[in-house]
Amino acid sequence: MALYLDGVRSFLEFCEAKQVSPFSGPSVEDWRDHLERRGETWRGKGGGPLSPQSVNTKLKGVKYASKWRAWRAASENRRDVIDFADYVETLKEEGLKRPPKIPDFDEVRRLLASLTGTSPAVLRDRAILTLGFRTGLRRAAIAAATKESLQLHEQRLTVTNKGGEEIHVPLDTNVLAALKPWLDWLVGQGVNNGSMFRSLSKTSWLKPLEPSGVYYVLRVRAKAAGIGRMHPHAMRHFYVTESRHRGMPDWQIALRTGHKPNRTGQYEMMDTYSHDDGKIFLPTF
C-alpha cells in the first residue's frame, strides 16, 4: 500500500510541478512518459528512467486512487469527476500487449504518401514517421533525439535505449532526406541545437516534443490516411517484420532496435516483433 500511495504522491507532485490538471488522461500519459525517460526529476531526485516494473507500480496507485474518486463522486451524486481507471490500466498494459494493428507495406506507403506539402507540421510528421518506420525506434527514443545526437557524416543517430545503453542507429538516405527539410525549417526559426522534434501547438510552440506527441502524430496521420488506429510500437513491429522479409540478418536489424542476442547468439526477443501473415513485403519503401 505504501508503494501505491507513493505513486499517487509522485503523480500529484508531477502535475503541480508541470502546472497541469491532475486526474486526466493526458496528464497520466505525460507522467508515465516522463518516468520512462527521466525518472522523478521533479522530486529533486537524480535523472534516469525508471524500470517498467517501477512505472507500473506507480500507475497502479493512480488507478486505485481514481477508482476511489469515482466511487466518492457516485456516492455524492456528483458528475464532475471522470473515472479514468480503465484508461490508466490501458496505459499500464499497453507495453505488455501487442499493438492493435500492425501495418503492411501498402499501408505504410500510403501513410507516408499522404504527407504532402511544405507546412511545418507536414515536414515534422514526415520526418518522425519515416524515422520510426525505417529504424524501429521507440517513441521515447524518437522524442529524446537531439540535433547533437545526429551525425550526418556518419549517417547515424545516437540514442539511449530502454535499458539505458547508448546505441548508434544507422540512417539510410530516405531517413536523411525526410529529416533535412524539417531541420532546415528549425534553423530558420532560430533552433540550432537541442531537441530534434518540437511541438507546434500554440501553447507549447517549439518546446521539445514528448513521447505522447509522437503517439499523437501517428494516431492523427494514420486516421487521416484511412488506416485506422495505430500504436507507435507498430512502427517497431513493422520494421523488424519488413527487414526480416527482405532477408536482413538479425544482427543488422539489432543495430537499430537495440535487441541483444542470447547465449547461443539468437535474437529471440526479435521474434515478438516479427509477423508472418502471408503478405508480401516489397524490398524497399
Protein backbone atom coordinates (compact mmCIF):
# COMPACT_ATOMS: atom_id res chain seq x y z
CA MET A 1 0.00 0.00 0.00
CA ALA A 2 2.87 2.37 0.80
CA LEU A 3 4.20 1.90 -2.74
CA TYR A 4 0.79 2.73 -4.23
CA LEU A 5 0.48 5.86 -2.07
CA ASP A 6 3.93 6.95 -3.19
CA GLY A 7 2.76 6.57 -6.79
CA VAL A 8 -0.19 8.87 -6.13
CA ARG A 9 2.05 11.43 -4.41
CA SER A 10 4.51 11.27 -7.29
CA PHE A 11 1.73 11.87 -9.82
CA LEU A 12 0.26 14.83 -7.91
CA GLU A 13 3.71 16.37 -7.45
CA PHE A 14 4.38 15.99 -11.16
CA CYS A 15 1.10 17.75 -12.03
CA GLU A 16 1.90 20.56 -9.62
CA ALA A 17 5.44 20.98 -10.97
CA LYS A 18 4.20 20.98 -14.57
CA GLN A 19 1.14 23.08 -13.70
CA VAL A 20 -1.29 20.68 -15.38
CA SER A 21 -4.65 19.41 -14.21
CA PRO A 22 -4.38 16.15 -12.22
CA PHE A 23 -6.56 13.10 -12.79
CA SER A 24 -6.94 13.47 -16.54
CA GLY A 25 -5.92 11.01 -19.23
CA PRO A 26 -3.30 13.23 -20.92
CA SER A 27 -1.73 14.10 -17.56
CA VAL A 28 -1.32 10.43 -16.69
CA GLU A 29 0.24 9.67 -20.05
CA ASP A 30 2.66 12.60 -19.79
CA TRP A 31 3.63 11.46 -16.28
CA ARG A 32 4.22 7.89 -17.44
CA ASP A 33 6.34 9.12 -20.37
CA HIS A 34 8.39 11.33 -18.05
CA LEU A 35 9.03 8.40 -15.69
CA GLU A 36 10.21 6.27 -18.59
CA ARG A 37 12.53 8.97 -19.92
CA ARG A 38 13.84 10.96 -16.97
CA GLY A 39 12.57 9.40 -13.76
CA GLU A 40 11.32 11.57 -10.91
CA THR A 41 13.49 14.61 -11.54
CA TRP A 42 10.75 17.00 -10.35
CA ARG A 43 11.08 15.48 -6.83
CA GLY A 44 14.70 16.55 -6.59
CA LYS A 45 15.96 13.07 -7.41
CA GLY A 46 18.62 12.24 -9.96
CA GLY A 47 17.63 11.73 -13.56
CA GLY A 48 17.44 8.39 -15.31
CA PRO A 49 14.48 6.29 -16.49
CA LEU A 50 12.61 4.02 -14.11
CA SER A 51 12.25 0.33 -14.86
CA PRO A 52 8.96 -0.84 -16.43
CA GLN A 53 8.10 -2.60 -13.16
CA SER A 54 8.53 0.61 -11.14
CA VAL A 55 6.45 2.60 -13.61
CA ASN A 56 3.66 0.00 -13.49
CA THR A 57 3.62 0.05 -9.69
CA LYS A 58 3.16 3.81 -9.66
CA LEU A 59 0.43 3.57 -12.29
CA LYS A 60 -1.42 1.05 -10.13
CA GLY A 61 -1.52 3.56 -7.31
CA VAL A 62 -3.11 6.18 -9.53
CA LYS A 63 -5.54 3.59 -10.86
CA TYR A 64 -6.85 2.74 -7.40
CA ALA A 65 -6.93 6.39 -6.40
CA SER A 66 -9.04 7.20 -9.45
CA LYS A 67 -11.45 4.35 -8.62
CA TRP A 68 -11.87 5.75 -5.11
CA ARG A 69 -12.57 9.21 -6.53
CA ALA A 70 -15.16 7.76 -8.91
CA TRP A 71 -16.86 5.88 -6.05
CA ARG A 72 -16.85 9.00 -3.87
CA ALA A 73 -18.33 11.08 -6.69
CA ALA A 74 -21.06 8.49 -7.27
CA SER A 75 -21.93 8.34 -3.57
CA GLU A 76 -22.28 12.11 -3.54
CA ASN A 77 -24.22 12.07 -6.81
CA ARG A 78 -21.58 14.24 -8.47
CA ARG A 79 -20.99 14.24 -12.21
CA ASP A 80 -17.89 16.42 -12.40
CA VAL A 81 -15.38 13.63 -11.69
CA ILE A 82 -14.37 11.37 -14.56
CA ASP A 83 -13.42 7.77 -13.84
CA PHE A 84 -10.33 7.11 -15.91
CA ALA A 85 -9.20 3.98 -14.04
CA ASP A 86 -9.66 1.92 -17.18
CA TYR A 87 -7.54 4.44 -19.08
CA VAL A 88 -4.72 4.10 -16.54
CA GLU A 89 -4.97 0.32 -16.72
CA THR A 90 -4.64 0.52 -20.50
CA LEU A 91 -1.51 2.63 -20.17
CA LYS A 92 -0.05 0.07 -17.77
CA GLU A 93 -0.79 -2.86 -20.04
CA GLU A 94 -0.03 -1.39 -23.45
CA GLY A 95 3.67 -2.22 -23.19
CA LEU A 96 2.80 -5.87 -22.45
CA LYS A 97 0.35 -6.40 -25.27
CA ARG A 98 0.84 -6.36 -28.99
CA PRO A 99 -0.30 -3.20 -30.72
CA PRO A 100 -3.87 -3.34 -32.03
CA LYS A 101 -2.71 -3.02 -35.61
CA ILE A 102 0.49 -3.92 -37.45
CA PRO A 103 0.53 -2.11 -40.83
CA ASP A 104 1.60 -3.80 -44.03
CA PHE A 105 3.82 -2.25 -46.68
CA ASP A 106 1.00 -0.69 -48.69
CA GLU A 107 -0.46 0.97 -45.61
CA VAL A 108 2.89 2.46 -44.60
CA ARG A 109 3.48 3.69 -48.13
CA ARG A 110 0.00 5.25 -48.21
CA LEU A 111 0.58 6.87 -44.83
CA LEU A 112 3.86 8.48 -45.86
CA ALA A 113 2.49 9.46 -49.27
CA SER A 114 -0.37 11.32 -47.55
CA LEU A 115 2.12 13.76 -46.02
CA THR A 116 2.27 16.25 -48.86
CA GLY A 117 3.12 19.92 -48.79
CA THR A 118 5.72 22.00 -47.01
CA SER A 119 3.92 23.15 -43.87
CA PRO A 120 5.93 22.77 -40.64
CA ALA A 121 3.55 20.08 -39.38
CA VAL A 122 3.95 18.03 -42.55
CA LEU A 123 7.74 18.39 -42.51
CA ARG A 124 7.94 17.33 -38.87
CA ASP A 125 5.47 14.47 -39.09
CA ARG A 126 7.05 13.07 -42.26
CA ALA A 127 10.43 13.11 -40.53
CA ILE A 128 9.08 11.41 -37.39
CA LEU A 129 7.20 8.66 -39.21
CA THR A 130 9.95 7.96 -41.73
CA LEU A 131 12.46 7.68 -38.89
CA GLY A 132 10.15 5.40 -36.92
CA PHE A 133 9.18 3.04 -39.71
CA ARG A 134 12.71 2.77 -41.13
CA THR A 135 14.56 2.24 -37.84
CA GLY A 136 12.06 0.71 -35.42
CA LEU A 137 12.96 3.24 -32.71
CA ARG A 138 10.65 3.53 -29.73
CA ARG A 139 8.64 6.72 -29.37
CA ALA A 140 10.64 7.71 -26.28
CA ALA A 141 13.89 7.48 -28.27
CA ILE A 142 12.40 9.50 -31.13
CA ALA A 143 11.22 12.22 -28.76
CA ALA A 144 14.59 12.28 -26.99
CA ALA A 145 16.63 12.66 -30.20
CA THR A 146 18.65 15.87 -30.36
CA LYS A 147 20.44 17.75 -33.09
CA GLU A 148 23.71 16.97 -31.31
CA SER A 149 22.97 13.23 -31.44
CA LEU A 150 22.64 13.30 -35.23
CA GLN A 151 25.93 12.65 -37.02
CA LEU A 152 25.28 13.49 -40.66
CA HIS A 153 28.72 12.49 -41.98
CA GLU A 154 28.47 9.06 -40.34
CA GLN A 155 24.76 8.85 -41.28
CA ARG A 156 23.73 7.74 -37.81
CA LEU A 157 21.72 8.84 -34.80
CA THR A 158 22.91 8.17 -31.24
CA VAL A 159 20.07 7.29 -28.86
CA THR A 160 19.68 5.72 -25.43
CA ASN A 161 17.62 2.55 -25.46
CA LYS A 162 15.18 1.41 -22.78
CA GLY A 163 17.92 -0.30 -20.80
CA GLY A 164 19.96 2.90 -20.60
CA GLU A 165 22.56 1.76 -23.14
CA GLU A 166 23.73 4.18 -25.81
CA ILE A 167 23.42 2.82 -29.35
CA HIS A 168 24.36 4.27 -32.73
CA VAL A 169 21.49 3.82 -35.18
CA PRO A 170 22.40 3.79 -38.89
CA LEU A 171 20.23 6.06 -41.03
CA ASP A 172 19.56 5.40 -44.70
CA THR A 173 19.19 8.05 -47.37
CA ASN A 174 15.39 8.05 -47.10
CA VAL A 175 15.50 8.98 -43.43
CA LEU A 176 18.12 11.68 -44.03
CA ALA A 177 16.06 13.09 -46.90
CA ALA A 178 12.98 13.28 -44.65
CA LEU A 179 14.90 14.89 -41.78
CA LYS A 180 16.63 17.62 -43.81
CA PRO A 181 13.62 19.86 -44.66
CA TRP A 182 12.39 19.76 -41.07
CA LEU A 183 15.81 20.53 -39.59
CA ASP A 184 16.31 23.35 -42.11
CA TRP A 185 12.96 24.83 -41.05
CA LEU A 186 14.03 24.68 -37.39
CA VAL A 187 17.23 26.57 -38.24
CA GLY A 188 15.09 29.23 -39.88
CA GLN A 189 13.24 29.55 -36.58
CA GLY A 190 16.48 30.01 -34.68
CA VAL A 191 16.55 26.49 -33.25
CA ASN A 192 20.12 25.31 -33.80
CA ASN A 193 20.51 22.77 -31.04
CA GLY A 194 18.61 20.68 -28.53
CA SER A 195 15.59 18.50 -29.23
CA MET A 196 15.20 17.45 -32.83
CA PHE A 197 11.41 17.30 -32.74
CA ARG A 198 9.35 20.19 -31.40
CA SER A 199 5.76 20.91 -30.55
CA LEU A 200 3.86 23.12 -32.97
CA SER A 201 0.86 23.85 -30.76
CA LYS A 202 0.17 27.45 -29.79
CA THR A 203 0.53 26.76 -26.08
CA SER A 204 3.90 24.98 -26.34
CA TRP A 205 5.37 26.41 -29.54
CA LEU A 206 8.76 24.84 -30.36
CA LYS A 207 9.10 23.19 -26.97
CA PRO A 208 10.59 19.65 -27.03
CA LEU A 209 8.07 17.07 -28.19
CA GLU A 210 7.11 14.49 -25.57
CA PRO A 211 6.72 10.76 -26.40
CA SER A 212 2.96 11.28 -26.19
CA GLY A 213 3.38 13.77 -29.04
CA VAL A 214 4.86 11.03 -31.23
CA TYR A 215 1.81 8.91 -30.40
CA TYR A 216 -0.46 11.82 -31.34
CA VAL A 217 1.29 12.36 -34.68
CA LEU A 218 0.95 8.70 -35.68
CA ARG A 219 -2.65 8.43 -34.49
CA VAL A 220 -3.82 11.54 -36.31
CA ARG A 221 -1.91 10.87 -39.53
CA ALA A 222 -2.94 7.20 -39.70
CA LYS A 223 -6.59 8.13 -39.23
CA ALA A 224 -6.35 10.84 -41.92
CA ALA A 225 -4.81 8.31 -44.33
CA GLY A 226 -7.72 5.93 -43.77
CA ILE A 227 -5.61 3.30 -42.00
CA GLY A 228 -7.25 3.48 -38.59
CA ARG A 229 -5.93 3.39 -35.04
CA MET A 230 -2.23 2.63 -34.76
CA HIS A 231 0.09 2.49 -31.76
CA PRO A 232 3.68 3.86 -32.04
CA HIS A 233 5.09 0.41 -31.21
CA ALA A 234 3.61 -0.72 -34.55
CA MET A 235 6.49 1.11 -36.24
CA ARG A 236 8.93 -1.17 -34.40
CA HIS A 237 6.93 -4.30 -35.32
CA PHE A 238 6.76 -3.19 -38.94
CA TYR A 239 10.49 -2.50 -39.19
CA VAL A 240 11.51 -5.90 -37.80
CA THR A 241 8.96 -7.77 -39.90
CA GLU A 242 9.74 -5.90 -43.12
CA SER A 243 13.51 -6.24 -42.61
CA ARG A 244 13.31 -9.97 -41.98
CA HIS A 245 11.16 -10.43 -45.08
CA ARG A 246 13.86 -8.66 -47.06
CA GLY A 247 16.44 -11.09 -45.71
CA MET A 248 18.30 -8.66 -43.47
CA PRO A 249 20.23 -10.60 -40.79
CA ASP A 250 19.07 -10.17 -37.23
CA TRP A 251 22.36 -8.70 -36.04
CA GLN A 252 21.98 -5.90 -38.58
CA ILE A 253 18.38 -5.23 -37.54
CA ALA A 254 19.57 -5.11 -33.92
CA LEU A 255 21.86 -2.21 -34.74
CA ARG A 256 18.70 -0.10 -34.95
CA THR A 257 16.40 -1.83 -32.47
CA GLY A 258 18.99 -2.45 -29.76
CA HIS A 259 17.98 -6.10 -29.24
CA LYS A 260 20.58 -8.36 -27.61
CA PRO A 261 21.32 -11.99 -28.57
CA ASN A 262 21.00 -14.82 -26.09
CA ARG A 263 23.87 -17.11 -25.12
CA THR A 264 23.56 -19.05 -28.37
CA GLY A 265 23.62 -15.89 -30.50
CA GLN A 266 19.92 -15.98 -31.33
CA TYR A 267 17.72 -12.89 -31.17
CA GLU A 268 14.69 -14.49 -29.54
CA MET A 269 13.16 -11.20 -28.42
CA MET A 270 13.00 -10.13 -32.04
CA ASP A 271 10.53 -12.93 -32.75
CA THR A 272 7.93 -10.98 -30.76
CA TYR A 273 8.14 -8.17 -33.31
CA SER A 274 8.15 -10.36 -36.41
CA HIS A 275 4.83 -11.27 -38.03
CA ASP A 276 4.22 -13.62 -40.93
CA ASP A 277 0.67 -13.24 -42.14
CA GLY A 278 1.23 -14.16 -45.79
CA LYS A 279 1.59 -10.58 -47.01
CA ILE A 280 4.41 -9.83 -49.41
CA PHE A 281 6.70 -7.05 -48.30
CA LEU A 282 8.47 -5.21 -51.07
CA PRO A 283 12.26 -4.81 -50.97
CA THR A 284 12.15 -1.12 -50.09
CA PHE A 285 9.79 1.78 -49.47
